[in-house]
Amino acid sequence: MRRDEAPLDGRTAAVCAVSDALTGRRFVSEALRAWRAAGRLAGHEAALALEIGQGTLRHIVTIEHVLGKVARVERARMPARLRAVLATAAYQVIWLERIPVFAAVDEAVELARRLVRGRAPGMANAVLRRLAGAITERRVPWRRLDPTHVRVNWEQACAFSRPVLPEPTGEAGRCAHLAAATGERRPRFAELVARHGPERAEAATWAAQALPPTALHANTLRLELRAQQTQCGRRCTRTHCVC
């Protein structure tokens, strides 16, 4: 079996999809959809890849700001695939509490070995262990404008032992802090403030980080058919019940 036809586990698929997105090749959802259609990604692994891939891209600005603070990571000098390995692992460590930190780090080092090679495994190990070592509590009540808190949901944050976001001192510092905290590019955040004011700009950028709602659409034709089958007292395998 060729490498481009081999089955993918969730973390590998997430790294490859994020790498594609970072280089402008295609969206995360497009990559995952293509691999599912080709039979390379299915079931639980597909769900894991979607959660990690989309979550990483949603918070990529915050993630890379934090990595730059704890380990002085310079993304401009880093291959896209290694950048994706570090970002997806950091997303798991900070946002996915159900995944043990050691598992996220160990898997990332192995992915760096398989997908990037060279000195990448050692770098991934060093950066992610510094990230893990800087965390004091993975879940604490979130405090607004606290540079040691990375917000992970509406009420909680991942707490660090030192500032990992800009200090919100003065108007410029506050703008820089909120841009990094909400995962928005600083010029874009400044533009939102100029257009809508600081409060609405902050509210809009926080809302953009929230998980999108799941919408269910009932197929009324199927529901009507199922009701008819139940009334007949048996399951009908034909398109229309004629009992």
C-alpha atoms as a PDB file:
ATOM      1  CA  MET A   1       0.000   0.000   0.000  1.00  0.00           C
ATOM      2  CA  ARG A   2       1.322   3.420  -0.946  1.00  0.00           C
ATOM      3  CA  ARG A   3       1.862   6.028   1.751  1.00  0.00           C
ATOM      4  CA  ASP A   4      -0.823   8.293   0.265  1.00  0.00           C
ATOM      5  CA  GLU A   5      -3.331   5.418   0.478  1.00  0.00           C
ATOM      6  CA  ALA A   6      -2.552   4.151   3.987  1.00  0.00           C
ATOM      7  CA  PRO A   7      -5.171   4.503   6.765  1.00  0.00           C
ATOM      8  CA  LEU A   8      -4.765   7.547   8.985  1.00  0.00           C
ATOM      9  CA  ASP A   9      -5.201   7.774  12.747  1.00  0.00           C
ATOM     10  CA  GLY A  10      -6.906  10.851  14.151  1.00  0.00           C
ATOM     11  CA  ARG A  11      -3.821  12.750  15.304  1.00  0.00           C
ATOM     12  CA  THR A  12      -1.903  12.136  12.077  1.00  0.00           C
ATOM     13  CA  ALA A  13      -4.872  13.278  10.019  1.00  0.00           C
ATOM     14  CA  ALA A  14      -5.245  16.397  12.166  1.00  0.00           C
ATOM     15  CA  VAL A  15      -1.573  17.340  11.742  1.00  0.00           C
ATOM     16  CA  CYS A  16      -1.670  16.835   7.970  1.00  0.00           C
ATOM     17  CA  ALA A  17      -4.932  18.764   7.638  1.00  0.00           C
ATOM     18  CA  VAL A  18      -3.665  21.670   9.752  1.00  0.00           C
ATOM     19  CA  SER A  19      -0.440  21.724   7.736  1.00  0.00           C
ATOM     20  CA  ASP A  20      -2.475  21.944   4.528  1.00  0.00           C
ATOM     21  CA  ALA A  21      -4.485  24.829   5.987  1.00  0.00           C
ATOM     22  CA  LEU A  22      -1.400  26.720   7.184  1.00  0.00           C
ATOM     23  CA  THR A  23       0.137  26.552   3.717  1.00  0.00           C
ATOM     24  CA  GLY A  24      -3.104  27.610   2.015  1.00  0.00           C
ATOM     25  CA  ARG A  25      -3.568  24.304   0.220  1.00  0.00           C
ATOM     26  CA  ARG A  26      -7.079  23.549   1.506  1.00  0.00           C
ATOM     27  CA  PHE A  27      -9.314  23.871   4.551  1.00  0.00           C
ATOM     28  CA  VAL A  28      -9.126  21.328   7.373  1.00  0.00           C
ATOM     29  CA  SER A  29     -12.663  20.138   6.650  1.00  0.00           C
ATOM     30  CA  GLU A  30     -11.855  19.613   2.965  1.00  0.00           C
ATOM     31  CA  ALA A  31      -8.807  17.467   3.743  1.00  0.00           C
ATOM     32  CA  LEU A  32     -10.671  15.317   6.253  1.00  0.00           C
ATOM     33  CA  ARG A  33     -13.644  14.927   3.915  1.00  0.00           C
ATOM     34  CA  ALA A  34     -11.355  13.752   1.114  1.00  0.00           C
ATOM     35  CA  TRP A  35      -9.657  11.163   3.339  1.00  0.00           C
ATOM     36  CA  ARG A  36     -12.993   9.871   4.588  1.00  0.00           C
ATOM     37  CA  ALA A  37     -14.278   9.543   1.019  1.00  0.00           C
ATOM     38  CA  ALA A  38     -11.124   7.601   0.117  1.00  0.00           C
ATOM     39  CA  GLY A  39     -11.649   5.218   3.044  1.00  0.00           C
ATOM     40  CA  ARG A  40      -8.490   6.352   4.849  1.00  0.00           C
ATOM     41  CA  LEU A  41     -10.233   7.862   7.861  1.00  0.00           C
ATOM     42  CA  ALA A  42     -13.311   6.575   9.625  1.00  0.00           C
ATOM     43  CA  GLY A  43     -15.230   6.320  12.879  1.00  0.00           C
ATOM     44  CA  HIS A  44     -13.688   7.537  16.115  1.00  0.00           C
ATOM     45  CA  GLU A  45     -10.453   8.554  14.383  1.00  0.00           C
ATOM     46  CA  ALA A  46     -12.345  10.852  12.030  1.00  0.00           C
ATOM     47  CA  ALA A  47     -14.148  12.507  14.932  1.00  0.00           C
ATOM     48  CA  LEU A  48     -10.870  12.997  16.819  1.00  0.00           C
ATOM     49  CA  ALA A  49      -9.183  14.462  13.738  1.00  0.00           C
ATOM     50  CA  LEU A  50     -12.050  16.899  13.205  1.00  0.00           C
ATOM     51  CA  GLU A  51     -12.023  18.069  16.819  1.00  0.00           C
ATOM     52  CA  ILE A  52      -8.256  18.551  16.977  1.00  0.00           C
ATOM     53  CA  GLY A  53      -7.904  19.991  13.475  1.00  0.00           C
ATOM     54  CA  GLN A  54     -10.665  22.561  13.643  1.00  0.00           C
ATOM     55  CA  GLY A  55      -9.962  23.426  17.277  1.00  0.00           C
ATOM     56  CA  THR A  56      -6.298  24.060  16.504  1.00  0.00           C
ATOM     57  CA  LEU A  57      -7.081  26.399  13.609  1.00  0.00           C
ATOM     58  CA  ARG A  58      -9.707  28.213  15.659  1.00  0.00           C
ATOM     59  CA  HIS A  59      -7.127  28.998  18.359  1.00  0.00           C
ATOM     60  CA  ILE A  60      -3.917  29.082  16.278  1.00  0.00           C
ATOM     61  CA  VAL A  61      -3.110  32.722  17.100  1.00  0.00           C
ATOM     62  CA  THR A  62      -3.416  32.117  20.848  1.00  0.00           C
ATOM     63  CA  ILE A  63      -1.531  28.808  20.652  1.00  0.00           C
ATOM     64  CA  GLU A  64       1.448  30.238  18.811  1.00  0.00           C
ATOM     65  CA  HIS A  65       1.563  33.256  21.092  1.00  0.00           C
ATOM     66  CA  VAL A  66       1.720  30.945  24.139  1.00  0.00           C
ATOM     67  CA  LEU A  67       4.386  28.719  22.550  1.00  0.00           C
ATOM     68  CA  GLY A  68       6.441  31.798  21.756  1.00  0.00           C
ATOM     69  CA  LYS A  69       6.304  32.836  25.409  1.00  0.00           C
ATOM     70  CA  VAL A  70       7.118  29.488  27.013  1.00  0.00           C
ATOM     71  CA  ALA A  71       9.705  28.257  24.508  1.00  0.00           C
ATOM     72  CA  ARG A  72      10.580  31.164  22.165  1.00  0.00           C
ATOM     73  CA  VAL A  73       9.194  29.345  19.145  1.00  0.00           C
ATOM     74  CA  GLU A  74       9.657  31.282  15.894  1.00  0.00           C
ATOM     75  CA  ARG A  75       7.090  30.085  13.392  1.00  0.00           C
ATOM     76  CA  ALA A  76       8.674  31.956  10.445  1.00  0.00           C
ATOM     77  CA  ARG A  77      11.700  29.638  10.569  1.00  0.00           C
ATOM     78  CA  MET A  78       9.718  26.448  11.059  1.00  0.00           C
ATOM     79  CA  PRO A  79       8.394  23.944   8.472  1.00  0.00           C
ATOM     80  CA  ALA A  80       4.601  23.935   8.231  1.00  0.00           C
ATOM     81  CA  ARG A  81       4.403  20.269   9.201  1.00  0.00           C
ATOM     82  CA  LEU A  82       6.365  20.835  12.432  1.00  0.00           C
ATOM     83  CA  ARG A  83       4.321  23.940  13.140  1.00  0.00           C
ATOM     84  CA  ALA A  84       1.201  21.788  12.819  1.00  0.00           C
ATOM     85  CA  VAL A  85       2.623  19.089  15.119  1.00  0.00           C
ATOM     86  CA  LEU A  86       3.329  21.635  17.861  1.00  0.00           C
ATOM     87  CA  ALA A  87       0.032  23.478  17.462  1.00  0.00           C
ATOM     88  CA  THR A  88      -2.170  20.369  17.523  1.00  0.00           C
ATOM     89  CA  ALA A  89      -0.355  19.034  20.582  1.00  0.00           C
ATOM     90  CA  ALA A  90      -0.646  22.379  22.371  1.00  0.00           C
ATOM     91  CA  TYR A  91      -4.367  22.457  21.592  1.00  0.00           C
ATOM     92  CA  GLN A  92      -4.783  19.052  23.228  1.00  0.00           C
ATOM     93  CA  VAL A  93      -2.739  20.046  26.294  1.00  0.00           C
ATOM     94  CA  ILE A  94      -4.566  23.344  26.858  1.00  0.00           C
ATOM     95  CA  TRP A  95      -8.123  22.724  25.639  1.00  0.00           C
ATOM     96  CA  LEU A  96      -8.751  18.947  25.764  1.00  0.00           C
ATOM     97  CA  GLU A  97      -8.565  18.102  29.459  1.00  0.00           C
ATOM     98  CA  ARG A  98      -9.689  14.507  28.899  1.00  0.00           C
ATOM     99  CA  ILE A  99      -6.451  13.791  26.998  1.00  0.00           C
ATOM    100  CA  PRO A 100      -3.508  13.252  29.405  1.00  0.00           C
ATOM    101  CA  VAL A 101      -0.650  15.687  28.896  1.00  0.00           C
ATOM    102  CA  PHE A 102       1.946  12.916  28.588  1.00  0.00           C
ATOM    103  CA  ALA A 103      -0.094  11.238  25.842  1.00  0.00           C
ATOM    104  CA  ALA A 104      -0.363  14.448  23.798  1.00  0.00           C
ATOM    105  CA  VAL A 105       3.376  15.117  24.155  1.00  0.00           C
ATOM    106  CA  ASP A 106       4.517  11.569  23.392  1.00  0.00           C
ATOM    107  CA  GLU A 107       2.256  11.301  20.347  1.00  0.00           C
ATOM    108  CA  ALA A 108       3.500  14.657  19.046  1.00  0.00           C
ATOM    109  CA  VAL A 109       7.138  13.572  19.350  1.00  0.00           C
ATOM    110  CA  GLU A 110       6.354  10.387  17.411  1.00  0.00           C
ATOM    111  CA  LEU A 111       4.505  12.374  14.744  1.00  0.00           C
ATOM    112  CA  ALA A 112       7.482  14.724  14.408  1.00  0.00           C
ATOM    113  CA  ARG A 113       9.687  11.670  13.937  1.00  0.00           C
ATOM    114  CA  ARG A 114       7.455  10.177  11.237  1.00  0.00           C
ATOM    115  CA  LEU A 115       6.264  13.281   9.405  1.00  0.00           C
ATOM    116  CA  VAL A 116       9.110  15.787   9.750  1.00  0.00           C
ATOM    117  CA  ARG A 117      12.260  13.881  10.850  1.00  0.00           C
ATOM    118  CA  GLY A 118      15.670  15.479  11.385  1.00  0.00           C
ATOM    119  CA  ARG A 119      15.849  17.479  14.593  1.00  0.00           C
ATOM    120  CA  ALA A 120      12.078  17.879  14.764  1.00  0.00           C
ATOM    121  CA  PRO A 121      11.414  15.165  17.409  1.00  0.00           C
ATOM    122  CA  GLY A 122      13.868  16.706  19.846  1.00  0.00           C
ATOM    123  CA  MET A 123      12.470  20.176  19.276  1.00  0.00           C
ATOM    124  CA  ALA A 124       8.894  18.978  19.709  1.00  0.00           C
ATOM    125  CA  ASN A 125       9.808  17.209  22.939  1.00  0.00           C
ATOM    126  CA  ALA A 126      11.583  20.271  24.360  1.00  0.00           C
ATOM    127  CA  VAL A 127       8.893  22.797  23.397  1.00  0.00           C
ATOM    128  CA  LEU A 128       5.940  20.733  24.588  1.00  0.00           C
ATOM    129  CA  ARG A 129       7.573  19.772  27.872  1.00  0.00           C
ATOM    130  CA  ARG A 130       8.207  23.451  28.542  1.00  0.00           C
ATOM    131  CA  LEU A 131       4.565  24.128  27.762  1.00  0.00           C
ATOM    132  CA  ALA A 132       3.410  21.377  30.133  1.00  0.00           C
ATOM    133  CA  GLY A 133       5.832  22.513  32.828  1.00  0.00           C
ATOM    134  CA  ALA A 134       4.526  26.075  32.705  1.00  0.00           C
ATOM    135  CA  ILE A 135       0.935  24.999  33.450  1.00  0.00           C
ATOM    136  CA  THR A 136      -0.107  25.163  37.111  1.00  0.00           C
ATOM    137  CA  GLU A 137      -3.729  24.011  36.693  1.00  0.00           C
ATOM    138  CA  ARG A 138      -5.461  22.839  33.552  1.00  0.00           C
ATOM    139  CA  ARG A 139      -8.821  24.129  34.810  1.00  0.00           C
ATOM    140  CA  VAL A 140      -9.453  27.126  37.054  1.00  0.00           C
ATOM    141  CA  PRO A 141     -12.158  29.838  37.070  1.00  0.00           C
ATOM    142  CA  TRP A 142     -11.315  32.256  34.265  1.00  0.00           C
ATOM    143  CA  ARG A 143     -10.222  35.784  35.176  1.00  0.00           C
ATOM    144  CA  ARG A 144     -10.647  38.406  32.479  1.00  0.00           C
ATOM    145  CA  LEU A 145      -7.466  40.279  31.455  1.00  0.00           C
ATOM    146  CA  ASP A 146      -5.253  37.883  33.420  1.00  0.00           C
ATOM    147  CA  PRO A 147      -2.127  37.255  31.282  1.00  0.00           C
ATOM    148  CA  THR A 148      -1.567  33.878  32.998  1.00  0.00           C
ATOM    149  CA  HIS A 149      -5.009  32.575  31.964  1.00  0.00           C
ATOM    150  CA  VAL A 150      -5.852  31.033  28.592  1.00  0.00           C
ATOM    151  CA  ARG A 151      -9.623  30.822  28.364  1.00  0.00           C
ATOM    152  CA  VAL A 152     -10.840  27.346  27.358  1.00  0.00           C
ATOM    153  CA  ASN A 153     -14.620  27.804  27.700  1.00  0.00           C
ATOM    154  CA  TRP A 154     -17.044  30.461  28.924  1.00  0.00           C
ATOM    155  CA  GLU A 155     -16.201  29.924  32.606  1.00  0.00           C
ATOM    156  CA  GLN A 156     -12.781  28.226  32.814  1.00  0.00           C
ATOM    157  CA  ALA A 157      -9.155  28.807  31.900  1.00  0.00           C
ATOM    158  CA  CYS A 158      -5.874  26.930  31.745  1.00  0.00           C
ATOM    159  CA  ALA A 159      -3.603  28.646  34.293  1.00  0.00           C
ATOM    160  CA  PHE A 160       0.128  29.199  33.769  1.00  0.00           C
ATOM    161  CA  SER A 161       2.851  29.995  36.268  1.00  0.00           C
ATOM    162  CA  ARG A 162       3.885  33.121  34.357  1.00  0.00           C
ATOM    163  CA  PRO A 163       2.321  35.483  31.811  1.00  0.00           C
ATOM    164  CA  VAL A 164       1.770  33.851  28.419  1.00  0.00           C
ATOM    165  CA  LEU A 165      -0.367  36.676  27.025  1.00  0.00           C
ATOM    166  CA  PRO A 166       0.539  40.372  26.727  1.00  0.00           C
ATOM    167  CA  GLU A 167       0.168  42.471  29.867  1.00  0.00           C
ATOM    168  CA  PRO A 168      -3.044  44.546  29.512  1.00  0.00           C
ATOM    169  CA  THR A 169      -1.345  47.799  30.506  1.00  0.00           C
ATOM    170  CA  GLY A 170      -2.635  50.908  28.786  1.00  0.00           C
ATOM    171  CA  GLU A 171      -4.863  51.011  25.721  1.00  0.00           C
ATOM    172  CA  ALA A 172      -2.273  49.428  23.409  1.00  0.00           C
ATOM    173  CA  GLY A 173      -1.451  46.689  25.892  1.00  0.00           C
ATOM    174  CA  ARG A 174      -5.109  45.897  26.438  1.00  0.00           C
ATOM    175  CA  CYS A 175      -5.693  45.661  22.680  1.00  0.00           C
ATOM    176  CA  ALA A 176      -2.676  43.358  22.286  1.00  0.00           C
ATOM    177  CA  HIS A 177      -3.824  41.195  25.199  1.00  0.00           C
ATOM    178  CA  LEU A 178      -7.373  40.784  23.930  1.00  0.00           C
ATOM    179  CA  ALA A 179      -6.228  40.066  20.381  1.00  0.00           C
ATOM    180  CA  ALA A 180      -3.943  37.252  21.586  1.00  0.00           C
ATOM    181  CA  ALA A 181      -6.464  35.963  24.137  1.00  0.00           C
ATOM    182  CA  THR A 182      -9.362  35.785  21.667  1.00  0.00           C
ATOM    183  CA  GLY A 183      -7.224  34.391  18.863  1.00  0.00           C
ATOM    184  CA  GLU A 184      -7.625  37.380  16.566  1.00  0.00           C
ATOM    185  CA  ARG A 185      -4.888  39.042  14.513  1.00  0.00           C
ATOM    186  CA  ARG A 186      -3.936  42.350  16.122  1.00  0.00           C
ATOM    187  CA  PRO A 187      -4.648  44.545  13.036  1.00  0.00           C
ATOM    188  CA  ARG A 188      -8.041  42.894  12.643  1.00  0.00           C
ATOM    189  CA  PHE A 189      -8.870  43.381  16.335  1.00  0.00           C
ATOM    190  CA  ALA A 190      -7.848  47.038  16.133  1.00  0.00           C
ATOM    191  CA  GLU A 191     -10.111  47.428  13.098  1.00  0.00           C
ATOM    192  CA  LEU A 192     -13.047  45.922  15.012  1.00  0.00           C
ATOM    193  CA  VAL A 193     -12.435  48.294  17.904  1.00  0.00           C
ATOM    194  CA  ALA A 194     -12.373  51.266  15.532  1.00  0.00           C
ATOM    195  CA  ARG A 195     -15.633  50.178  13.901  1.00  0.00           C
ATOM    196  CA  HIS A 196     -17.663  48.918  16.867  1.00  0.00           C
ATOM    197  CA  GLY A 197     -15.945  50.078  20.040  1.00  0.00           C
ATOM    198  CA  PRO A 198     -13.872  48.022  22.507  1.00  0.00           C
ATOM    199  CA  GLU A 199     -16.729  46.222  24.262  1.00  0.00           C
ATOM    200  CA  ARG A 200     -18.462  45.003  21.106  1.00  0.00           C
ATOM    201  CA  ALA A 201     -15.141  44.078  19.504  1.00  0.00           C
ATOM    202  CA  GLU A 202     -14.207  41.957  22.499  1.00  0.00           C
ATOM    203  CA  ALA A 203     -17.635  40.297  22.620  1.00  0.00           C
ATOM    204  CA  ALA A 204     -17.522  39.493  18.906  1.00  0.00           C
ATOM    205  CA  THR A 205     -14.052  37.945  19.024  1.00  0.00           C
ATOM    206  CA  TRP A 206     -14.863  35.825  22.079  1.00  0.00           C
ATOM    207  CA  ALA A 207     -18.034  34.614  20.361  1.00  0.00           C
ATOM    208  CA  ALA A 208     -16.007  33.646  17.297  1.00  0.00           C
ATOM    209  CA  GLN A 209     -13.968  31.256  19.473  1.00  0.00           C
ATOM    210  CA  ALA A 210     -17.021  29.368  20.741  1.00  0.00           C
ATOM    211  CA  LEU A 211     -17.884  25.959  19.373  1.00  0.00           C
ATOM    212  CA  PRO A 212     -20.478  26.262  16.598  1.00  0.00           C
ATOM    213  CA  PRO A 213     -23.929  24.941  17.544  1.00  0.00           C
ATOM    214  CA  THR A 214     -25.084  21.592  16.229  1.00  0.00           C
ATOM    215  CA  ALA A 215     -28.260  21.902  14.156  1.00  0.00           C
ATOM    216  CA  LEU A 216     -30.532  18.904  13.553  1.00  0.00           C
ATOM    217  CA  HIS A 217     -33.020  18.846  10.712  1.00  0.00           C
ATOM    218  CA  ALA A 218     -35.774  16.259  10.983  1.00  0.00           C
ATOM    219  CA  ASN A 219     -36.717  14.352   7.830  1.00  0.00           C
ATOM    220  CA  THR A 220     -40.498  14.556   8.193  1.00  0.00           C
ATOM    221  CA  LEU A 221     -41.084  12.015   5.407  1.00  0.00           C
ATOM    222  CA  ARG A 222     -39.072   9.382   7.273  1.00  0.00           C
ATOM    223  CA  LEU A 223     -40.787  10.200  10.558  1.00  0.00           C
ATOM    224  CA  GLU A 224     -44.211   9.845   8.941  1.00  0.00           C
ATOM    225  CA  LEU A 225     -43.251   6.499   7.387  1.00  0.00           C
ATOM    226  CA  ARG A 226     -41.880   5.213  10.712  1.00  0.00           C
ATOM    227  CA  ALA A 227     -45.143   6.205  12.435  1.00  0.00           C
ATOM    228  CA  GLN A 228     -47.129   4.262   9.816  1.00  0.00           C
ATOM    229  CA  GLN A 229     -44.915   1.226  10.295  1.00  0.00           C
ATOM    230  CA  THR A 230     -45.425   1.356  14.053  1.00  0.00           C
ATOM    231  CA  GLN A 231     -49.197   1.507  13.627  1.00  0.00           C
ATOM    232  CA  CYS A 232     -49.058  -1.565  11.357  1.00  0.00           C
ATOM    233  CA  GLY A 233     -47.267  -3.475  14.099  1.00  0.00           C
ATOM    234  CA  ARG A 234     -44.291  -4.546  11.969  1.00  0.00           C
ATOM    235  CA  ARG A 235     -41.325  -3.022  10.150  1.00  0.00           C
ATOM    236  CA  CYS A 236     -41.952  -2.524   6.465  1.00  0.00           C
ATOM    237  CA  THR A 237     -38.896  -2.799   4.246  1.00  0.00           C
ATOM    238  CA  ARG A 238     -40.516  -1.195   1.233  1.00  0.00           C
ATOM    239  CA  THR A 239     -40.425   2.486   0.386  1.00  0.00           C
ATOM    240  CA  HIS A 240     -44.139   2.953   1.194  1.00  0.00           C
ATOM    241  CA  CYS A 241     -46.162   1.044   3.742  1.00  0.00           C
ATOM    242  CA  VAL A 242     -49.075  -0.739   2.026  1.00  0.00           C
ATOM    243  CA  CYS A 243     -50.303  -2.806   5.009  1.00  0.00           C
END
